Amino acid sequence: MGRQAVSFVRDAVFYFMRLIVNGENFDSNAGTVRELLNELKIEQGRVAVEVNLTIIKKTDYESYKLKDGDRIEIVNFVGGGEDVDKQ
């Protein structure tokens, strides 16, 4: 925490936060949950997101602000499977 990567591109400065996403360190410039999901190329319709042990409502993805050091868990819902009763 507290350490931010800085990248300079033609007079522009980009600040990256160090997040922990599903147990892995991840440098991100996303400011919100929605921006993080977009950065990770995850469709927000079939996931649940938890930030620091708090489940974030889908309606709050766009407004929920991420902070350096946040611990984020993203769970993707997967459908399908085999009906074991039909054997």
PDB file of N, CA and C in Angstrom:
ATOM      1  N   MET A   1       0.835  -1.182   0.000  1.00  0.00           N
ATOM      2  CA  MET A   1       0.000   0.000   0.000  1.00  0.00           C
ATOM      3  C   MET A   1       0.876   1.240   0.000  1.00  0.00           C
ATOM      4  N   GLY A   2       0.294   2.327  -0.447  1.00  0.00           N
ATOM      5  CA  GLY A   2       1.008   3.572  -0.405  1.00  0.00           C
ATOM      6  C   GLY A   2       1.992   3.748  -1.554  1.00  0.00           C
ATOM      7  N   ARG A   3       2.346   2.683  -2.241  1.00  0.00           N
ATOM      8  CA  ARG A   3       3.281   2.763  -3.354  1.00  0.00           C
ATOM      9  C   ARG A   3       2.491   2.832  -4.644  1.00  0.00           C
ATOM     10  N   GLN A   4       2.746   3.868  -5.426  1.00  0.00           N
ATOM     11  CA  GLN A   4       2.035   4.009  -6.688  1.00  0.00           C
ATOM     12  C   GLN A   4       3.041   4.053  -7.821  1.00  0.00           C
ATOM     13  N   ALA A   5       2.745   3.333  -8.873  1.00  0.00           N
ATOM     14  CA  ALA A   5       3.568   3.376 -10.066  1.00  0.00           C
ATOM     15  C   ALA A   5       3.174   4.606 -10.864  1.00  0.00           C
ATOM     16  N   VAL A   6       4.146   5.239 -11.472  1.00  0.00           N
ATOM     17  CA  VAL A   6       3.874   6.426 -12.271  1.00  0.00           C
ATOM     18  C   VAL A   6       4.434   6.194 -13.665  1.00  0.00           C
ATOM     19  N   SER A   7       3.657   6.518 -14.674  1.00  0.00           N
ATOM     20  CA  SER A   7       4.080   6.364 -16.060  1.00  0.00           C
ATOM     21  C   SER A   7       3.927   7.712 -16.755  1.00  0.00           C
ATOM     22  N   PHE A   8       4.959   8.143 -17.460  1.00  0.00           N
ATOM     23  CA  PHE A   8       4.920   9.414 -18.178  1.00  0.00           C
ATOM     24  C   PHE A   8       4.827   9.153 -19.677  1.00  0.00           C
ATOM     25  N   VAL A   9       3.858   9.765 -20.328  1.00  0.00           N
ATOM     26  CA  VAL A   9       3.711   9.653 -21.775  1.00  0.00           C
ATOM     27  C   VAL A   9       3.430  11.048 -22.320  1.00  0.00           C
ATOM     28  N   ARG A  10       4.399  11.632 -23.011  1.00  0.00           N
ATOM     29  CA  ARG A  10       4.221  12.964 -23.618  1.00  0.00           C
ATOM     30  C   ARG A  10       3.485  13.945 -22.719  1.00  0.00           C
ATOM     31  N   ASP A  11       4.061  14.323 -21.649  1.00  0.00           N
ATOM     32  CA  ASP A  11       3.509  15.306 -20.716  1.00  0.00           C
ATOM     33  C   ASP A  11       2.276  14.833 -19.956  1.00  0.00           C
ATOM     34  N   ALA A  12       1.836  13.609 -20.171  1.00  0.00           N
ATOM     35  CA  ALA A  12       0.698  13.073 -19.419  1.00  0.00           C
ATOM     36  C   ALA A  12       1.235  12.187 -18.304  1.00  0.00           C
ATOM     37  N   VAL A  13       0.576  12.199 -17.187  1.00  0.00           N
ATOM     38  CA  VAL A  13       0.979  11.371 -16.056  1.00  0.00           C
ATOM     39  C   VAL A  13      -0.173  10.431 -15.722  1.00  0.00           C
ATOM     40  N   PHE A  14       0.132   9.143 -15.623  1.00  0.00           N
ATOM     41  CA  PHE A  14      -0.863   8.151 -15.261  1.00  0.00           C
ATOM     42  C   PHE A  14      -0.454   7.541 -13.922  1.00  0.00           C
ATOM     43  N   TYR A  15      -1.367   7.508 -12.975  1.00  0.00           N
ATOM     44  CA  TYR A  15      -1.099   6.919 -11.671  1.00  0.00           C
ATOM     45  C   TYR A  15      -1.785   5.561 -11.595  1.00  0.00           C
ATOM     46  N   PHE A  16      -1.059   4.601 -11.095  1.00  0.00           N
ATOM     47  CA  PHE A  16      -1.599   3.257 -10.962  1.00  0.00           C
ATOM     48  C   PHE A  16      -1.740   2.918  -9.489  1.00  0.00           C
ATOM     49  N   MET A  17      -2.847   2.302  -9.147  1.00  0.00           N
ATOM     50  CA  MET A  17      -3.056   1.808  -7.787  1.00  0.00           C
ATOM     51  C   MET A  17      -2.623   0.357  -7.735  1.00  0.00           C
ATOM     52  N   ARG A  18      -2.132  -0.045  -6.587  1.00  0.00           N
ATOM     53  CA  ARG A  18      -1.842  -1.455  -6.360  1.00  0.00           C
ATOM     54  C   ARG A  18      -3.063  -2.039  -5.670  1.00  0.00           C
ATOM     55  N   LEU A  19      -3.753  -2.922  -6.374  1.00  0.00           N
ATOM     56  CA  LEU A  19      -4.917  -3.621  -5.834  1.00  0.00           C
ATOM     57  C   LEU A  19      -4.554  -5.087  -5.653  1.00  0.00           C
ATOM     58  N   ILE A  20      -5.344  -5.786  -4.869  1.00  0.00           N
ATOM     59  CA  ILE A  20      -5.217  -7.236  -4.769  1.00  0.00           C
ATOM     60  C   ILE A  20      -6.526  -7.798  -5.327  1.00  0.00           C
ATOM     61  N   VAL A  21      -6.429  -8.433  -6.496  1.00  0.00           N
ATOM     62  CA  VAL A  21      -7.611  -8.944  -7.187  1.00  0.00           C
ATOM     63  C   VAL A  21      -7.544 -10.463  -7.179  1.00  0.00           C
ATOM     64  N   ASN A  22      -8.524 -11.081  -6.530  1.00  0.00           N
ATOM     65  CA  ASN A  22      -8.572 -12.542  -6.385  1.00  0.00           C
ATOM     66  C   ASN A  22      -7.241 -13.096  -5.880  1.00  0.00           C
ATOM     67  N   GLY A  23      -6.667 -12.398  -4.894  1.00  0.00           N
ATOM     68  CA  GLY A  23      -5.448 -12.862  -4.241  1.00  0.00           C
ATOM     69  C   GLY A  23      -4.146 -12.515  -4.933  1.00  0.00           C
ATOM     70  N   GLU A  24      -4.210 -11.823  -6.085  1.00  0.00           N
ATOM     71  CA  GLU A  24      -3.016 -11.481  -6.858  1.00  0.00           C
ATOM     72  C   GLU A  24      -2.817  -9.967  -6.875  1.00  0.00           C
ATOM     73  N   ASN A  25      -1.556  -9.524  -6.730  1.00  0.00           N
ATOM     74  CA  ASN A  25      -1.264  -8.097  -6.872  1.00  0.00           C
ATOM     75  C   ASN A  25      -1.579  -7.666  -8.290  1.00  0.00           C
ATOM     76  N   PHE A  26      -2.187  -6.485  -8.424  1.00  0.00           N
ATOM     77  CA  PHE A  26      -2.595  -5.993  -9.736  1.00  0.00           C
ATOM     78  C   PHE A  26      -2.477  -4.476  -9.745  1.00  0.00           C
ATOM     79  N   ASP A  27      -1.684  -3.939 -10.660  1.00  0.00           N
ATOM     80  CA  ASP A  27      -1.576  -2.488 -10.831  1.00  0.00           C
ATOM     81  C   ASP A  27      -2.653  -2.039 -11.800  1.00  0.00           C
ATOM     82  N   SER A  28      -3.428  -1.039 -11.397  1.00  0.00           N
ATOM     83  CA  SER A  28      -4.577  -0.614 -12.188  1.00  0.00           C
ATOM     84  C   SER A  28      -4.702   0.901 -12.158  1.00  0.00           C
ATOM     85  N   ASN A  29      -5.239   1.459 -13.230  1.00  0.00           N
ATOM     86  CA  ASN A  29      -5.582   2.885 -13.213  1.00  0.00           C
ATOM     87  C   ASN A  29      -7.095   3.076 -13.123  1.00  0.00           C
ATOM     88  N   ALA A  30      -7.833   2.002 -12.830  1.00  0.00           N
ATOM     89  CA  ALA A  30      -9.296   2.072 -12.687  1.00  0.00           C
ATOM     90  C   ALA A  30      -9.647   2.822 -11.408  1.00  0.00           C
ATOM     91  N   GLY A  31     -10.607   3.718 -11.521  1.00  0.00           N
ATOM     92  CA  GLY A  31     -11.051   4.461 -10.352  1.00  0.00           C
ATOM     93  C   GLY A  31     -12.282   3.879  -9.698  1.00  0.00           C
ATOM     94  N   THR A  32     -13.045   3.070 -10.474  1.00  0.00           N
ATOM     95  CA  THR A  32     -14.279   2.492  -9.963  1.00  0.00           C
ATOM     96  C   THR A  32     -14.311   0.989 -10.262  1.00  0.00           C
ATOM     97  N   VAL A  33     -15.263   0.305  -9.644  1.00  0.00           N
ATOM     98  CA  VAL A  33     -15.431  -1.132  -9.904  1.00  0.00           C
ATOM     99  C   VAL A  33     -15.720  -1.361 -11.377  1.00  0.00           C
ATOM    100  N   ARG A  34     -16.588  -0.555 -11.959  1.00  0.00           N
ATOM    101  CA  ARG A  34     -16.921  -0.721 -13.387  1.00  0.00           C
ATOM    102  C   ARG A  34     -15.678  -0.568 -14.261  1.00  0.00           C
ATOM    103  N   GLU A  35     -14.852   0.433 -13.982  1.00  0.00           N
ATOM    104  CA  GLU A  35     -13.628   0.638 -14.759  1.00  0.00           C
ATOM    105  C   GLU A  35     -12.680  -0.552 -14.604  1.00  0.00           C
ATOM    106  N   LEU A  36     -12.615  -1.128 -13.401  1.00  0.00           N
ATOM    107  CA  LEU A  36     -11.762  -2.295 -13.189  1.00  0.00           C
ATOM    108  C   LEU A  36     -12.255  -3.477 -14.005  1.00  0.00           C
ATOM    109  N   LEU A  37     -13.565  -3.726 -13.981  1.00  0.00           N
ATOM    110  CA  LEU A  37     -14.120  -4.826 -14.765  1.00  0.00           C
ATOM    111  C   LEU A  37     -13.852  -4.618 -16.252  1.00  0.00           C
ATOM    112  N   ASN A  38     -13.985  -3.378 -16.727  1.00  0.00           N
ATOM    113  CA  ASN A  38     -13.682  -3.081 -18.130  1.00  0.00           C
ATOM    114  C   ASN A  38     -12.211  -3.327 -18.430  1.00  0.00           C
ATOM    115  N   GLU A  39     -11.337  -2.895 -17.526  1.00  0.00           N
ATOM    116  CA  GLU A  39      -9.901  -3.094 -17.709  1.00  0.00           C
ATOM    117  C   GLU A  39      -9.553  -4.579 -17.781  1.00  0.00           C
ATOM    118  N   LEU A  40     -10.240  -5.384 -16.977  1.00  0.00           N
ATOM    119  CA  LEU A  40     -10.000  -6.831 -16.961  1.00  0.00           C
ATOM    120  C   LEU A  40     -10.784  -7.558 -18.062  1.00  0.00           C
ATOM    121  N   LYS A  41     -11.575  -6.795 -18.837  1.00  0.00           N
ATOM    122  CA  LYS A  41     -12.413  -7.357 -19.903  1.00  0.00           C
ATOM    123  C   LYS A  41     -13.397  -8.401 -19.370  1.00  0.00           C
ATOM    124  N   ILE A  42     -14.017  -8.043 -18.241  1.00  0.00           N
ATOM    125  CA  ILE A  42     -15.018  -8.897 -17.602  1.00  0.00           C
ATOM    126  C   ILE A  42     -16.377  -8.248 -17.764  1.00  0.00           C
ATOM    127  N   GLU A  43     -17.321  -8.999 -18.319  1.00  0.00           N
ATOM    128  CA  GLU A  43     -18.685  -8.499 -18.473  1.00  0.00           C
ATOM    129  C   GLU A  43     -19.332  -8.452 -17.093  1.00  0.00           C
ATOM    130  N   GLN A  44     -19.880  -7.317 -16.733  1.00  0.00           N
ATOM    131  CA  GLN A  44     -20.380  -7.137 -15.372  1.00  0.00           C
ATOM    132  C   GLN A  44     -21.696  -7.842 -15.083  1.00  0.00           C
ATOM    133  N   GLY A  45     -22.378  -8.333 -16.095  1.00  0.00           N
ATOM    134  CA  GLY A  45     -23.692  -8.942 -15.892  1.00  0.00           C
ATOM    135  C   GLY A  45     -23.682 -10.240 -15.112  1.00  0.00           C
ATOM    136  N   ARG A  46     -22.611 -11.022 -15.204  1.00  0.00           N
ATOM    137  CA  ARG A  46     -22.596 -12.346 -14.581  1.00  0.00           C
ATOM    138  C   ARG A  46     -21.511 -12.483 -13.528  1.00  0.00           C
ATOM    139  N   VAL A  47     -21.221 -11.392 -12.817  1.00  0.00           N
ATOM    140  CA  VAL A  47     -20.215 -11.456 -11.766  1.00  0.00           C
ATOM    141  C   VAL A  47     -20.737 -10.835 -10.479  1.00  0.00           C
ATOM    142  N   ALA A  48     -20.108 -11.220  -9.393  1.00  0.00           N
ATOM    143  CA  ALA A  48     -20.311 -10.569  -8.104  1.00  0.00           C
ATOM    144  C   ALA A  48     -18.958 -10.008  -7.702  1.00  0.00           C
ATOM    145  N   VAL A  49     -18.955  -8.813  -7.120  1.00  0.00           N
ATOM    146  CA  VAL A  49     -17.716  -8.155  -6.727  1.00  0.00           C
ATOM    147  C   VAL A  49     -17.772  -7.824  -5.245  1.00  0.00           C
ATOM    148  N   GLU A  50     -16.691  -8.162  -4.559  1.00  0.00           N
ATOM    149  CA  GLU A  50     -16.537  -7.864  -3.140  1.00  0.00           C
ATOM    150  C   GLU A  50     -15.286  -7.013  -2.988  1.00  0.00           C
ATOM    151  N   VAL A  51     -15.391  -5.918  -2.255  1.00  0.00           N
ATOM    152  CA  VAL A  51     -14.247  -5.053  -1.983  1.00  0.00           C
ATOM    153  C   VAL A  51     -14.081  -4.985  -0.470  1.00  0.00           C
ATOM    154  N   ASN A  52     -12.927  -5.430  -0.001  1.00  0.00           N
ATOM    155  CA  ASN A  52     -12.628  -5.410   1.441  1.00  0.00           C
ATOM    156  C   ASN A  52     -13.760  -6.044   2.261  1.00  0.00           C
ATOM    157  N   LEU A  53     -14.192  -7.215   1.814  1.00  0.00           N
ATOM    158  CA  LEU A  53     -15.212  -8.033   2.484  1.00  0.00           C
ATOM    159  C   LEU A  53     -16.632  -7.464   2.416  1.00  0.00           C
ATOM    160  N   THR A  54     -16.850  -6.455   1.564  1.00  0.00           N
ATOM    161  CA  THR A  54     -18.178  -5.880   1.377  1.00  0.00           C
ATOM    162  C   THR A  54     -18.631  -6.156  -0.045  1.00  0.00           C
ATOM    163  N   ILE A  55     -19.805  -6.784  -0.200  1.00  0.00           N
ATOM    164  CA  ILE A  55     -20.340  -7.045  -1.533  1.00  0.00           C
ATOM    165  C   ILE A  55     -20.870  -5.735  -2.110  1.00  0.00           C
ATOM    166  N   ILE A  56     -20.454  -5.453  -3.349  1.00  0.00           N
ATOM    167  CA  ILE A  56     -20.859  -4.214  -4.012  1.00  0.00           C
ATOM    168  C   ILE A  56     -22.052  -4.514  -4.920  1.00  0.00           C
ATOM    169  N   LYS A  57     -23.118  -3.725  -4.781  1.00  0.00           N
ATOM    170  CA  LYS A  57     -24.298  -3.891  -5.633  1.00  0.00           C
ATOM    171  C   LYS A  57     -23.945  -3.496  -7.061  1.00  0.00           C
ATOM    172  N   LYS A  58     -24.527  -4.200  -8.027  1.00  0.00           N
ATOM    173  CA  LYS A  58     -24.278  -3.881  -9.435  1.00  0.00           C
ATOM    174  C   LYS A  58     -24.611  -2.418  -9.748  1.00  0.00           C
ATOM    175  N   THR A  59     -25.633  -1.900  -9.111  1.00  0.00           N
ATOM    176  CA  THR A  59     -26.021  -0.506  -9.353  1.00  0.00           C
ATOM    177  C   THR A  59     -24.965   0.479  -8.855  1.00  0.00           C
ATOM    178  N   ASP A  60     -24.037   0.002  -8.013  1.00  0.00           N
ATOM    179  CA  ASP A  60     -22.984   0.869  -7.475  1.00  0.00           C
ATOM    180  C   ASP A  60     -21.641   0.691  -8.176  1.00  0.00           C
ATOM    181  N   TYR A  61     -21.548  -0.215  -9.157  1.00  0.00           N
ATOM    182  CA  TYR A  61     -20.267  -0.467  -9.827  1.00  0.00           C
ATOM    183  C   TYR A  61     -19.675   0.812 -10.419  1.00  0.00           C
ATOM    184  N   GLU A  62     -20.524   1.659 -10.991  1.00  0.00           N
ATOM    185  CA  GLU A  62     -20.030   2.866 -11.652  1.00  0.00           C
ATOM    186  C   GLU A  62     -19.582   3.939 -10.662  1.00  0.00           C
ATOM    187  N   SER A  63     -20.159   3.949  -9.483  1.00  0.00           N
ATOM    188  CA  SER A  63     -19.847   5.021  -8.527  1.00  0.00           C
ATOM    189  C   SER A  63     -18.925   4.587  -7.388  1.00  0.00           C
ATOM    190  N   TYR A  64     -18.755   3.275  -7.177  1.00  0.00           N
ATOM    191  CA  TYR A  64     -17.931   2.820  -6.050  1.00  0.00           C
ATOM    192  C   TYR A  64     -16.455   3.088  -6.354  1.00  0.00           C
ATOM    193  N   LYS A  65     -15.826   3.941  -5.559  1.00  0.00           N
ATOM    194  CA  LYS A  65     -14.437   4.351  -5.768  1.00  0.00           C
ATOM    195  C   LYS A  65     -13.477   3.341  -5.144  1.00  0.00           C
ATOM    196  N   LEU A  66     -12.511   2.923  -5.935  1.00  0.00           N
ATOM    197  CA  LEU A  66     -11.464   2.029  -5.441  1.00  0.00           C
ATOM    198  C   LEU A  66     -10.326   2.853  -4.867  1.00  0.00           C
ATOM    199  N   LYS A  67      -9.615   2.246  -3.902  1.00  0.00           N
ATOM    200  CA  LYS A  67      -8.491   2.909  -3.261  1.00  0.00           C
ATOM    201  C   LYS A  67      -7.265   1.996  -3.306  1.00  0.00           C
ATOM    202  N   ASP A  68      -6.102   2.613  -3.280  1.00  0.00           N
ATOM    203  CA  ASP A  68      -4.855   1.863  -3.263  1.00  0.00           C
ATOM    204  C   ASP A  68      -4.887   0.857  -2.114  1.00  0.00           C
ATOM    205  N   GLY A  69      -4.561  -0.400  -2.413  1.00  0.00           N
ATOM    206  CA  GLY A  69      -4.517  -1.441  -1.394  1.00  0.00           C
ATOM    207  C   GLY A  69      -5.814  -2.213  -1.211  1.00  0.00           C
ATOM    208  N   ASP A  70      -6.880  -1.824  -1.923  1.00  0.00           N
ATOM    209  CA  ASP A  70      -8.150  -2.553  -1.795  1.00  0.00           C
ATOM    210  C   ASP A  70      -7.968  -4.021  -2.165  1.00  0.00           C
ATOM    211  N   ARG A  71      -8.674  -4.886  -1.420  1.00  0.00           N
ATOM    212  CA  ARG A  71      -8.710  -6.322  -1.707  1.00  0.00           C
ATOM    213  C   ARG A  71     -10.034  -6.614  -2.392  1.00  0.00           C
ATOM    214  N   ILE A  72      -9.954  -7.090  -3.625  1.00  0.00           N
ATOM    215  CA  ILE A  72     -11.142  -7.274  -4.450  1.00  0.00           C
ATOM    216  C   ILE A  72     -11.263  -8.736  -4.841  1.00  0.00           C
ATOM    217  N   GLU A  73     -12.444  -9.279  -4.666  1.00  0.00           N
ATOM    218  CA  GLU A  73     -12.745 -10.638  -5.122  1.00  0.00           C
ATOM    219  C   GLU A  73     -13.816 -10.520  -6.201  1.00  0.00           C
ATOM    220  N   ILE A  74     -13.570 -11.146  -7.339  1.00  0.00           N
ATOM    221  CA  ILE A  74     -14.523 -11.153  -8.440  1.00  0.00           C
ATOM    222  C   ILE A  74     -14.907 -12.603  -8.707  1.00  0.00           C
ATOM    223  N   VAL A  75     -16.195 -12.886  -8.599  1.00  0.00           N
ATOM    224  CA  VAL A  75     -16.692 -14.244  -8.808  1.00  0.00           C
ATOM    225  C   VAL A  75     -17.546 -14.233 -10.058  1.00  0.00           C
ATOM    226  N   ASN A  76     -17.221 -15.110 -10.996  1.00  0.00           N
ATOM    227  CA  ASN A  76     -17.947 -15.222 -12.251  1.00  0.00           C
ATOM    228  C   ASN A  76     -18.934 -16.381 -12.150  1.00  0.00           C
ATOM    229  N   PHE A  77     -20.197 -16.104 -12.433  1.00  0.00           N
ATOM    230  CA  PHE A  77     -21.215 -17.149 -12.389  1.00  0.00           C
ATOM    231  C   PHE A  77     -21.180 -17.940 -13.686  1.00  0.00           C
ATOM    232  N   VAL A  78     -21.137 -19.250 -13.567  1.00  0.00           N
ATOM    233  CA  VAL A  78     -21.077 -20.124 -14.730  1.00  0.00           C
ATOM    234  C   VAL A  78     -22.305 -21.017 -14.704  1.00  0.00           C
ATOM    235  N   GLY A  79     -23.016 -21.057 -15.824  1.00  0.00           N
ATOM    236  CA  GLY A  79     -24.198 -21.905 -15.920  1.00  0.00           C
ATOM    237  C   GLY A  79     -23.856 -23.233 -16.558  1.00  0.00           C
ATOM    238  N   GLY A  80     -24.822 -24.083 -16.590  1.00  0.00           N
ATOM    239  CA  GLY A  80     -24.628 -25.372 -17.258  1.00  0.00           C
ATOM    240  C   GLY A  80     -24.346 -26.471 -16.258  1.00  0.00           C
ATOM    241  N   GLY A  81     -23.698 -27.498 -16.758  1.00  0.00           N
ATOM    242  CA  GLY A  81     -23.422 -28.638 -15.925  1.00  0.00           C
ATOM    243  C   GLY A  81     -24.240 -29.824 -16.388  1.00  0.00           C
ATOM    244  N   GLU A  82     -24.029 -30.918 -15.748  1.00  0.00           N
ATOM    245  CA  GLU A  82     -24.706 -32.136 -16.144  1.00  0.00           C
ATOM    246  C   GLU A  82     -25.717 -32.516 -15.072  1.00  0.00           C
ATOM    247  N   ASP A  83     -26.906 -32.923 -15.506  1.00  0.00           N
ATOM    248  CA  ASP A  83     -27.939 -33.365 -14.591  1.00  0.00           C
ATOM    249  C   ASP A  83     -27.625 -34.824 -14.228  1.00  0.00           C
ATOM    250  N   VAL A  84     -27.146 -35.046 -13.008  1.00  0.00           N
ATOM    251  CA  VAL A  84     -26.720 -36.382 -12.606  1.00  0.00           C
ATOM    252  C   VAL A  84     -27.882 -37.360 -12.455  1.00  0.00           C
ATOM    253  N   ASP A  85     -29.128 -36.860 -12.362  1.00  0.00           N
ATOM    254  CA  ASP A  85     -30.298 -37.740 -12.248  1.00  0.00           C
ATOM    255  C   ASP A  85     -30.680 -38.372 -13.584  1.00  0.00           C
ATOM    256  N   LYS A  86     -30.150 -37.849 -14.674  1.00  0.00           N
ATOM    257  CA  LYS A  86     -30.490 -38.370 -16.014  1.00  0.00           C
ATOM    258  C   LYS A  86     -29.402 -39.310 -16.508  1.00  0.00           C
ATOM    259  N   GLN A  87     -29.197 -40.413 -15.847  1.00  0.00           N
ATOM    260  CA  GLN A  87     -28.163 -41.382 -16.270  1.00  0.00           C
ATOM    261  C   GLN A  87     -28.753 -42.670 -16.707  1.00  0.00           C
TER     262      GLN A  87
END
